[in-house]
């Protein structure tokens, strides 16, 4: 669903910075008549920088370390007919603009 992700083409070999985040909304999702999943409040946001390699696919997302949210970049590695594998990519703080 395009509501949950967006795809962009970015040049390889050039440092790229991203700003991303999400906001949880309580009581928004309904799984069946009368049954609601409550995700509570909170969210996660921030900025991150990495240098992509040409011809590779990446996914930006969030990693949780206990109760702490961190931004993360993963290289998508196809696995034939099976599900793709995600490999963490080195990142750094983005430069100040």
PDB file of N, CA and C in Angstrom:
ATOM      1  N   UNK A   1       0.834  -1.175   0.000  1.00  0.00           N
ATOM      2  CA  UNK A   1       0.000   0.000   0.000  1.00  0.00           C
ATOM      3  C   UNK A   1       0.880   1.239   0.000  1.00  0.00           C
ATOM      4  N   UNK A   2       0.601   2.169  -0.868  1.00  0.00           N
ATOM      5  CA  UNK A   2       1.362   3.412  -0.934  1.00  0.00           C
ATOM      6  C   UNK A   2       1.173   4.254   0.319  1.00  0.00           C
ATOM      7  N   UNK A   3       0.160   3.947   1.130  1.00  0.00           N
ATOM      8  CA  UNK A   3      -0.030   4.681   2.377  1.00  0.00           C
ATOM      9  C   UNK A   3       1.065   4.357   3.374  1.00  0.00           C
ATOM     10  N   UNK A   4       1.758   3.229   3.212  1.00  0.00           N
ATOM     11  CA  UNK A   4       2.742   2.793   4.187  1.00  0.00           C
ATOM     12  C   UNK A   4       4.175   2.948   3.733  1.00  0.00           C
ATOM     13  N   UNK A   5       4.413   3.114   2.447  1.00  0.00           N
ATOM     14  CA  UNK A   5       5.783   3.283   1.989  1.00  0.00           C
ATOM     15  C   UNK A   5       5.806   4.095   0.704  1.00  0.00           C
ATOM     16  N   UNK A   6       6.981   4.638   0.408  1.00  0.00           N
ATOM     17  CA  UNK A   6       7.194   5.385  -0.829  1.00  0.00           C
ATOM     18  C   UNK A   6       8.524   4.912  -1.403  1.00  0.00           C
ATOM     19  N   UNK A   7       8.626   4.900  -2.724  1.00  0.00           N
ATOM     20  CA  UNK A   7       9.865   4.507  -3.382  1.00  0.00           C
ATOM     21  C   UNK A   7      10.457   5.705  -4.111  1.00  0.00           C
ATOM     22  N   UNK A   8      11.792   5.842  -3.993  1.00  0.00           N
ATOM     23  CA  UNK A   8      12.512   6.923  -4.640  1.00  0.00           C
ATOM     24  C   UNK A   8      13.757   6.348  -5.293  1.00  0.00           C
ATOM     25  N   UNK A   9      14.163   6.919  -6.406  1.00  0.00           N
ATOM     26  CA  UNK A   9      15.421   6.552  -7.036  1.00  0.00           C
ATOM     27  C   UNK A   9      16.447   7.599  -6.630  1.00  0.00           C
ATOM     28  N   UNK A  10      17.551   7.147  -6.035  1.00  0.00           N
ATOM     29  CA  UNK A  10      18.604   8.062  -5.620  1.00  0.00           C
ATOM     30  C   UNK A  10      19.916   7.600  -6.241  1.00  0.00           C
ATOM     31  N   UNK A  11      20.841   8.540  -6.531  1.00  0.00           N
ATOM     32  CA  UNK A  11      22.087   8.164  -7.213  1.00  0.00           C
ATOM     33  C   UNK A  11      23.021   7.371  -6.301  1.00  0.00           C
ATOM     34  N   UNK A  12      23.683   6.374  -6.869  1.00  0.00           N
ATOM     35  CA  UNK A  12      24.666   5.588  -6.125  1.00  0.00           C
ATOM     36  C   UNK A  12      25.959   6.368  -5.959  1.00  0.00           C
ATOM     37  N   UNK A  13      26.680   6.079  -4.881  1.00  0.00           N
ATOM     38  CA  UNK A  13      27.972   6.705  -4.648  1.00  0.00           C
ATOM     39  C   UNK A  13      27.907   8.109  -4.109  1.00  0.00           C
ATOM     40  N   UNK A  14      26.723   8.637  -3.898  1.00  0.00           N
ATOM     41  CA  UNK A  14      26.543   9.992  -3.382  1.00  0.00           C
ATOM     42  C   UNK A  14      25.862   9.915  -2.020  1.00  0.00           C
ATOM     43  N   UNK A  15      26.428  10.536  -0.974  1.00  0.00           N
ATOM     44  CA  UNK A  15      25.757  10.509   0.322  1.00  0.00           C
ATOM     45  C   UNK A  15      24.335  11.051   0.209  1.00  0.00           C
ATOM     46  N   UNK A  16      23.409  10.349   0.848  1.00  0.00           N
ATOM     47  CA  UNK A  16      21.999  10.734   0.824  1.00  0.00           C
ATOM     48  C   UNK A  16      21.486  10.809   2.259  1.00  0.00           C
ATOM     49  N   UNK A  17      20.678  11.816   2.530  1.00  0.00           N
ATOM     50  CA  UNK A  17      20.100  11.978   3.857  1.00  0.00           C
ATOM     51  C   UNK A  17      18.598  11.863   3.778  1.00  0.00           C
ATOM     52  N   UNK A  18      18.010  11.283   4.814  1.00  0.00           N
ATOM     53  CA  UNK A  18      16.569  11.090   4.886  1.00  0.00           C
ATOM     54  C   UNK A  18      16.034  11.622   6.203  1.00  0.00           C
ATOM     55  N   UNK A  19      14.835  12.129   6.158  1.00  0.00           N
ATOM     56  CA  UNK A  19      14.080  12.486   7.357  1.00  0.00           C
ATOM     57  C   UNK A  19      12.823  11.648   7.306  1.00  0.00           C
ATOM     58  N   UNK A  20      12.567  10.867   8.345  1.00  0.00           N
ATOM     59  CA  UNK A  20      11.383  10.027   8.342  1.00  0.00           C
ATOM     60  C   UNK A  20      10.822   9.888   9.743  1.00  0.00           C
ATOM     61  N   UNK A  21       9.571   9.488   9.794  1.00  0.00           N
ATOM     62  CA  UNK A  21       8.930   9.301  11.083  1.00  0.00           C
ATOM     63  C   UNK A  21       7.554   8.702  10.924  1.00  0.00           C
ATOM     64  N   UNK A  22       6.987   8.319  12.045  1.00  0.00           N
ATOM     65  CA  UNK A  22       5.608   7.846  12.065  1.00  0.00           C
ATOM     66  C   UNK A  22       4.992   8.215  13.397  1.00  0.00           C
ATOM     67  N   UNK A  23       3.697   8.302  13.406  1.00  0.00           N
ATOM     68  CA  UNK A  23       2.934   8.595  14.613  1.00  0.00           C
ATOM     69  C   UNK A  23       1.936   7.484  14.821  1.00  0.00           C
ATOM     70  N   UNK A  24       1.996   6.817  15.947  1.00  0.00           N
ATOM     71  CA  UNK A  24       1.014   5.777  16.246  1.00  0.00           C
ATOM     72  C   UNK A  24      -0.321   6.433  16.568  1.00  0.00           C
ATOM     73  N   UNK A  25      -1.380   5.756  16.183  1.00  0.00           N
ATOM     74  CA  UNK A  25      -2.724   6.257  16.473  1.00  0.00           C
ATOM     75  C   UNK A  25      -3.515   5.159  17.165  1.00  0.00           C
ATOM     76  N   UNK A  26      -4.038   5.435  18.337  1.00  0.00           N
ATOM     77  CA  UNK A  26      -4.788   4.446  19.095  1.00  0.00           C
ATOM     78  C   UNK A  26      -6.197   4.279  18.554  1.00  0.00           C
ATOM     79  N   UNK A  27      -6.677   3.041  18.555  1.00  0.00           N
ATOM     80  CA  UNK A  27      -8.050   2.759  18.157  1.00  0.00           C
ATOM     81  C   UNK A  27      -8.351   2.949  16.687  1.00  0.00           C
ATOM     82  N   UNK A  28      -7.321   3.065  15.852  1.00  0.00           N
ATOM     83  CA  UNK A  28      -7.539   3.337  14.431  1.00  0.00           C
ATOM     84  C   UNK A  28      -7.797   2.075  13.629  1.00  0.00           C
ATOM     85  N   UNK A  29      -7.142   0.977  13.997  1.00  0.00           N
ATOM     86  CA  UNK A  29      -7.231  -0.253  13.218  1.00  0.00           C
ATOM     87  C   UNK A  29      -8.307  -1.177  13.774  1.00  0.00           C
ATOM     88  N   UNK A  30      -9.160  -1.680  12.916  1.00  0.00           N
ATOM     89  CA  UNK A  30     -10.191  -2.627  13.322  1.00  0.00           C
ATOM     90  C   UNK A  30      -9.928  -3.940  12.605  1.00  0.00           C
ATOM     91  N   UNK A  31      -9.841  -5.037  13.356  1.00  0.00           N
ATOM     92  CA  UNK A  31      -9.522  -6.331  12.759  1.00  0.00           C
ATOM     93  C   UNK A  31     -10.776  -7.119  12.394  1.00  0.00           C
ATOM     94  N   UNK A  32     -11.848  -6.945  13.111  1.00  0.00           N
ATOM     95  CA  UNK A  32     -13.108  -7.652  12.873  1.00  0.00           C
ATOM     96  C   UNK A  32     -14.212  -6.827  13.531  1.00  0.00           C
ATOM     97  N   UNK A  33     -15.447  -7.058  13.173  1.00  0.00           N
ATOM     98  CA  UNK A  33     -16.525  -6.273  13.785  1.00  0.00           C
ATOM     99  C   UNK A  33     -16.452  -6.298  15.305  1.00  0.00           C
ATOM    100  N   UNK A  34     -16.306  -5.119  15.887  1.00  0.00           N
ATOM    101  CA  UNK A  34     -16.281  -5.006  17.334  1.00  0.00           C
ATOM    102  C   UNK A  34     -14.941  -5.251  17.990  1.00  0.00           C
ATOM    103  N   UNK A  35     -13.911  -5.642  17.216  1.00  0.00           N
ATOM    104  CA  UNK A  35     -12.593  -5.900  17.788  1.00  0.00           C
ATOM    105  C   UNK A  35     -11.634  -4.833  17.269  1.00  0.00           C
ATOM    106  N   UNK A  36     -11.081  -4.043  18.166  1.00  0.00           N
ATOM    107  CA  UNK A  36     -10.165  -2.970  17.794  1.00  0.00           C
ATOM    108  C   UNK A  36      -8.794  -3.237  18.368  1.00  0.00           C
ATOM    109  N   UNK A  37      -7.759  -3.024  17.571  1.00  0.00           N
ATOM    110  CA  UNK A  37      -6.382  -3.147  18.037  1.00  0.00           C
ATOM    111  C   UNK A  37      -5.924  -1.753  18.422  1.00  0.00           C
ATOM    112  N   UNK A  38      -5.511  -1.559  19.662  1.00  0.00           N
ATOM    113  CA  UNK A  38      -5.081  -0.248  20.133  1.00  0.00           C
ATOM    114  C   UNK A  38      -3.564  -0.190  20.164  1.00  0.00           C
ATOM    115  N   UNK A  39      -2.980   0.644  19.312  1.00  0.00           N
ATOM    116  CA  UNK A  39      -1.538   0.767  19.247  1.00  0.00           C
ATOM    117  C   UNK A  39      -1.005   1.839  20.191  1.00  0.00           C
ATOM    118  N   UNK A  40      -1.885   2.540  20.875  1.00  0.00           N
ATOM    119  CA  UNK A  40      -1.456   3.554  21.836  1.00  0.00           C
ATOM    120  C   UNK A  40      -0.861   4.769  21.164  1.00  0.00           C
ATOM    121  N   UNK A  41      -0.259   5.644  21.950  1.00  0.00           N
ATOM    122  CA  UNK A  41       0.340   6.863  21.422  1.00  0.00           C
ATOM    123  C   UNK A  41       1.797   6.643  21.102  1.00  0.00           C
ATOM    124  N   UNK A  42       2.489   7.729  20.867  1.00  0.00           N
ATOM    125  CA  UNK A  42       3.927   7.646  20.599  1.00  0.00           C
ATOM    126  C   UNK A  42       4.232   7.594  19.125  1.00  0.00           C
ATOM    127  N   UNK A  43       5.487   7.418  18.824  1.00  0.00           N
ATOM    128  CA  UNK A  43       5.938   7.362  17.444  1.00  0.00           C
ATOM    129  C   UNK A  43       7.448   7.388  17.425  1.00  0.00           C
ATOM    130  N   UNK A  44       7.998   7.704  16.285  1.00  0.00           N
ATOM    131  CA  UNK A  44       9.445   7.723  16.113  1.00  0.00           C
ATOM    132  C   UNK A  44       9.748   8.639  14.932  1.00  0.00           C
ATOM    133  N   UNK A  45      10.797   9.462  15.037  1.00  0.00           N
ATOM    134  CA  UNK A  45      11.182  10.300  13.901  1.00  0.00           C
ATOM    135  C   UNK A  45      12.633  10.711  14.051  1.00  0.00           C
ATOM    136  N   UNK A  46      13.212  11.180  12.965  1.00  0.00           N
ATOM    137  CA  UNK A  46      14.585  11.651  12.989  1.00  0.00           C
ATOM    138  C   UNK A  46      15.166  11.710  11.594  1.00  0.00           C
ATOM    139  N   UNK A  47      16.481  11.886  11.517  1.00  0.00           N
ATOM    140  CA  UNK A  47      17.163  11.962  10.227  1.00  0.00           C
ATOM    141  C   UNK A  47      18.378  11.035  10.254  1.00  0.00           C
ATOM    142  N   UNK A  48      18.783  10.602   9.070  1.00  0.00           N
ATOM    143  CA  UNK A  48      19.856   9.621   8.938  1.00  0.00           C
ATOM    144  C   UNK A  48      20.521   9.829   7.574  1.00  0.00           C
ATOM    145  N   UNK A  49      21.785   9.444   7.455  1.00  0.00           N
ATOM    146  CA  UNK A  49      22.515   9.589   6.196  1.00  0.00           C
ATOM    147  C   UNK A  49      23.274   8.298   5.885  1.00  0.00           C
ATOM    148  N   UNK A  50      23.380   7.971   4.597  1.00  0.00           N
ATOM    149  CA  UNK A  50      24.137   6.800   4.147  1.00  0.00           C
ATOM    150  C   UNK A  50      24.542   7.025   2.698  1.00  0.00           C
ATOM    151  N   UNK A  51      25.474   6.200   2.222  1.00  0.00           N
ATOM    152  CA  UNK A  51      25.903   6.290   0.827  1.00  0.00           C
ATOM    153  C   UNK A  51      25.481   5.006   0.115  1.00  0.00           C
ATOM    154  N   UNK A  52      24.448   5.093  -0.735  1.00  0.00           N
ATOM    155  CA  UNK A  52      23.969   3.901  -1.435  1.00  0.00           C
ATOM    156  C   UNK A  52      24.936   3.474  -2.545  1.00  0.00           C
ATOM    157  N   UNK A  53      24.920   2.186  -2.852  1.00  0.00           N
ATOM    158  CA  UNK A  53      25.677   1.653  -3.981  1.00  0.00           C
ATOM    159  C   UNK A  53      24.758   1.626  -5.192  1.00  0.00           C
ATOM    160  N   UNK A  54      25.294   1.905  -6.362  1.00  0.00           N
ATOM    161  CA  UNK A  54      24.508   1.881  -7.591  1.00  0.00           C
ATOM    162  C   UNK A  54      23.942   0.489  -7.822  1.00  0.00           C
ATOM    163  N   UNK A  55      22.693   0.415  -8.274  1.00  0.00           N
ATOM    164  CA  UNK A  55      22.068  -0.853  -8.633  1.00  0.00           C
ATOM    165  C   UNK A  55      21.533  -1.658  -7.457  1.00  0.00           C
ATOM    166  N   UNK A  56      21.579  -1.125  -6.256  1.00  0.00           N
ATOM    167  CA  UNK A  56      21.097  -1.833  -5.079  1.00  0.00           C
ATOM    168  C   UNK A  56      19.758  -1.249  -4.626  1.00  0.00           C
ATOM    169  N   UNK A  57      18.956  -2.065  -3.954  1.00  0.00           N
ATOM    170  CA  UNK A  57      17.690  -1.624  -3.384  1.00  0.00           C
ATOM    171  C   UNK A  57      17.845  -1.525  -1.877  1.00  0.00           C
ATOM    172  N   UNK A  58      17.237  -0.499  -1.308  1.00  0.00           N
ATOM    173  CA  UNK A  58      17.338  -0.249   0.124  1.00  0.00           C
ATOM    174  C   UNK A  58      15.961  -0.015   0.717  1.00  0.00           C
ATOM    175  N   UNK A  59      15.890  -0.223   2.014  1.00  0.00           N
ATOM    176  CA  UNK A  59      14.665   0.057   2.764  1.00  0.00           C
ATOM    177  C   UNK A  59      15.060   0.865   3.990  1.00  0.00           C
ATOM    178  N   UNK A  60      14.373   1.965   4.204  1.00  0.00           N
ATOM    179  CA  UNK A  60      14.580   2.769   5.404  1.00  0.00           C
ATOM    180  C   UNK A  60      13.468   2.417   6.378  1.00  0.00           C
ATOM    181  N   UNK A  61      13.817   2.293   7.634  1.00  0.00           N
ATOM    182  CA  UNK A  61      12.800   1.944   8.617  1.00  0.00           C
ATOM    183  C   UNK A  61      13.270   2.226  10.019  1.00  0.00           C
ATOM    184  N   UNK A  62      12.658   1.545  10.946  1.00  0.00           N
ATOM    185  CA  UNK A  62      12.918   1.772  12.356  1.00  0.00           C
ATOM    186  C   UNK A  62      13.357   0.477  13.018  1.00  0.00           C
ATOM    187  N   UNK A  63      14.313   0.579  13.918  1.00  0.00           N
ATOM    188  CA  UNK A  63      14.772  -0.559  14.710  1.00  0.00           C
ATOM    189  C   UNK A  63      14.573  -0.189  16.174  1.00  0.00           C
ATOM    190  N   UNK A  64      14.151  -1.151  16.970  1.00  0.00           N
ATOM    191  CA  UNK A  64      13.891  -0.888  18.379  1.00  0.00           C
ATOM    192  C   UNK A  64      14.900  -1.622  19.241  1.00  0.00           C
ATOM    193  N   UNK A  65      15.491  -0.903  20.166  1.00  0.00           N
ATOM    194  CA  UNK A  65      16.430  -1.452  21.126  1.00  0.00           C
ATOM    195  C   UNK A  65      15.783  -1.275  22.501  1.00  0.00           C
ATOM    196  N   UNK A  66      15.020  -2.275  22.925  1.00  0.00           N
ATOM    197  CA  UNK A  66      14.250  -2.121  24.155  1.00  0.00           C
ATOM    198  C   UNK A  66      13.133  -1.125  23.914  1.00  0.00           C
ATOM    199  N   UNK A  67      13.149  -0.019  24.591  1.00  0.00           N
ATOM    200  CA  UNK A  67      12.118   1.004  24.416  1.00  0.00           C
ATOM    201  C   UNK A  67      12.591   2.157  23.533  1.00  0.00           C
ATOM    202  N   UNK A  68      13.808   2.081  23.022  1.00  0.00           N
ATOM    203  CA  UNK A  68      14.367   3.171  22.233  1.00  0.00           C
ATOM    204  C   UNK A  68      14.199   2.901  20.743  1.00  0.00           C
ATOM    205  N   UNK A  69      13.754   3.898  20.009  1.00  0.00           N
ATOM    206  CA  UNK A  69      13.566   3.790  18.567  1.00  0.00           C
ATOM    207  C   UNK A  69      14.770   4.396  17.854  1.00  0.00           C
ATOM    208  N   UNK A  70      15.267   3.701  16.837  1.00  0.00           N
ATOM    209  CA  UNK A  70      16.367   4.204  16.028  1.00  0.00           C
ATOM    210  C   UNK A  70      16.002   4.085  14.555  1.00  0.00           C
ATOM    211  N   UNK A  71      16.462   5.029  13.762  1.00  0.00           N
ATOM    212  CA  UNK A  71      16.297   4.932  12.317  1.00  0.00           C
ATOM    213  C   UNK A  71      17.345   3.975  11.782  1.00  0.00           C
ATOM    214  N   UNK A  72      17.015   3.240  10.734  1.00  0.00           N
ATOM    215  CA  UNK A  72      17.941   2.264  10.171  1.00  0.00           C
ATOM    216  C   UNK A  72      17.753   2.173   8.662  1.00  0.00           C
ATOM    217  N   UNK A  73      18.818   1.830   7.965  1.00  0.00           N
ATOM    218  CA  UNK A  73      18.790   1.588   6.519  1.00  0.00           C
ATOM    219  C   UNK A  73      19.209   0.140   6.304  1.00  0.00           C
ATOM    220  N   UNK A  74      18.472  -0.565   5.451  1.00  0.00           N
ATOM    221  CA  UNK A  74      18.767  -1.966   5.158  1.00  0.00           C
ATOM    222  C   UNK A  74      18.897  -2.158   3.653  1.00  0.00           C
ATOM    223  N   UNK A  75      19.875  -2.944   3.225  1.00  0.00           N
ATOM    224  CA  UNK A  75      19.994  -3.352   1.824  1.00  0.00           C
ATOM    225  C   UNK A  75      19.070  -4.554   1.643  1.00  0.00           C
ATOM    226  N   UNK A  76      18.283  -4.541   0.577  1.00  0.00           N
ATOM    227  CA  UNK A  76      17.372  -5.645   0.284  1.00  0.00           C
ATOM    228  C   UNK A  76      18.119  -6.644  -0.590  1.00  0.00           C
ATOM    229  N   UNK A  77      18.276  -7.863  -0.092  1.00  0.00           N
ATOM    230  CA  UNK A  77      19.017  -8.902  -0.814  1.00  0.00           C
ATOM    231  C   UNK A  77      18.046  -9.997  -1.236  1.00  0.00           C
ATOM    232  N   UNK A  78      17.753 -10.115  -2.546  1.00  0.00           N
ATOM    233  CA  UNK A  78      16.830 -11.148  -3.022  1.00  0.00           C
ATOM    234  C   UNK A  78      17.368 -12.544  -2.685  1.00  0.00           C
ATOM    235  N   UNK A  79      16.460 -13.471  -2.392  1.00  0.00           N
ATOM    236  CA  UNK A  79      16.826 -14.842  -2.035  1.00  0.00           C
ATOM    237  C   UNK A  79      16.109 -15.831  -2.949  1.00  0.00           C
ATOM    238  N   UNK A  80      16.217 -15.646  -4.258  1.00  0.00           N
ATOM    239  CA  UNK A  80      15.545 -16.545  -5.198  1.00  0.00           C
ATOM    240  C   UNK A  80      14.032 -16.447  -5.046  1.00  0.00           C
ATOM    241  N   UNK A  81      13.386 -17.584  -4.869  1.00  0.00           N
ATOM    242  CA  UNK A  81      11.927 -17.618  -4.731  1.00  0.00           C
ATOM    243  C   UNK A  81      11.468 -17.313  -3.303  1.00  0.00           C
ATOM    244  N   UNK A  82      12.390 -17.336  -2.333  1.00  0.00           N
ATOM    245  CA  UNK A  82      12.034 -17.087  -0.938  1.00  0.00           C
ATOM    246  C   UNK A  82      11.969 -15.604  -0.629  1.00  0.00           C
ATOM    247  N   UNK A  83      11.639 -15.279   0.609  1.00  0.00           N
ATOM    248  CA  UNK A  83      11.581 -13.862   0.997  1.00  0.00           C
ATOM    249  C   UNK A  83      12.970 -13.231   0.978  1.00  0.00           C
ATOM    250  N   UNK A  84      13.029 -11.970   0.667  1.00  0.00           N
ATOM    251  CA  UNK A  84      14.301 -11.244   0.625  1.00  0.00           C
ATOM    252  C   UNK A  84      14.885 -11.139   2.027  1.00  0.00           C
ATOM    253  N   UNK A  85      16.200 -10.985   2.076  1.00  0.00           N
ATOM    254  CA  UNK A  85      16.901 -10.796   3.342  1.00  0.00           C
ATOM    255  C   UNK A  85      17.271  -9.321   3.462  1.00  0.00           C
ATOM    256  N   UNK A  86      17.212  -8.770   4.666  1.00  0.00           N
ATOM    257  CA  UNK A  86      17.605  -7.389   4.917  1.00  0.00           C
ATOM    258  C   UNK A  86      18.948  -7.378   5.623  1.00  0.00           C
ATOM    259  N   UNK A  87      19.875  -6.552   5.120  1.00  0.00           N
ATOM    260  CA  UNK A  87      21.210  -6.431   5.697  1.00  0.00           C
ATOM    261  C   UNK A  87      21.419  -4.987   6.137  1.00  0.00           C
ATOM    262  N   UNK A  88      21.757  -4.777   7.394  1.00  0.00           N
ATOM    263  CA  UNK A  88      21.958  -3.418   7.915  1.00  0.00           C
ATOM    264  C   UNK A  88      23.091  -2.727   7.162  1.00  0.00           C
ATOM    265  N   UNK A  89      22.925  -1.443   6.902  1.00  0.00           N
ATOM    266  CA  UNK A  89      23.887  -0.631   6.170  1.00  0.00           C
ATOM    267  C   UNK A  89      24.484   0.393   7.143  1.00  0.00           C
ATOM    268  N   UNK A  90      25.803   0.653   7.063  1.00  0.00           N
ATOM    269  CA  UNK A  90      26.386   1.678   7.926  1.00  0.00           C
ATOM    270  C   UNK A  90      25.740   3.040   7.660  1.00  0.00           C
ATOM    271  N   UNK A  91      25.440   3.761   8.728  1.00  0.00           N
ATOM    272  CA  UNK A  91      24.816   5.080   8.633  1.00  0.00           C
ATOM    273  C   UNK A  91      25.560   6.062   9.525  1.00  0.00           C
ATOM    274  N   UNK A  92      25.238   7.315   9.348  1.00  0.00           N
ATOM    275  CA  UNK A  92      25.795   8.362  10.194  1.00  0.00           C
ATOM    276  C   UNK A  92      24.758   9.473  10.337  1.00  0.00           C
ATOM    277  N   UNK A  93      25.074  10.411  11.210  1.00  0.00           N
ATOM    278  CA  UNK A  93      24.203  11.580  11.346  1.00  0.00           C
ATOM    279  C   UNK A  93      24.323  12.403  10.073  1.00  0.00           C
ATOM    280  N   UNK A  94      23.226  12.972   9.613  1.00  0.00           N
ATOM    281  CA  UNK A  94      23.315  13.787   8.393  1.00  0.00           C
ATOM    282  C   UNK A  94      24.045  15.104   8.671  1.00  0.00           C
ATOM    283  N   UNK A  95      24.657  15.664   7.629  1.00  0.00           N
ATOM    284  CA  UNK A  95      25.329  16.959   7.830  1.00  0.00           C
ATOM    285  C   UNK A  95      24.294  18.052   8.098  1.00  0.00           C
ATOM    286  N   UNK A  96      24.714  19.070   8.807  1.00  0.00           N
ATOM    287  CA  UNK A  96      23.815  20.200   9.055  1.00  0.00           C
ATOM    288  C   UNK A  96      23.670  21.010   7.776  1.00  0.00           C
ATOM    289  N   UNK A  97      22.464  21.438   7.513  1.00  0.00           N
ATOM    290  CA  UNK A  97      22.204  22.229   6.296  1.00  0.00           C
ATOM    291  C   UNK A  97      22.359  23.714   6.587  1.00  0.00           C
TER     292      UNK A  97
END
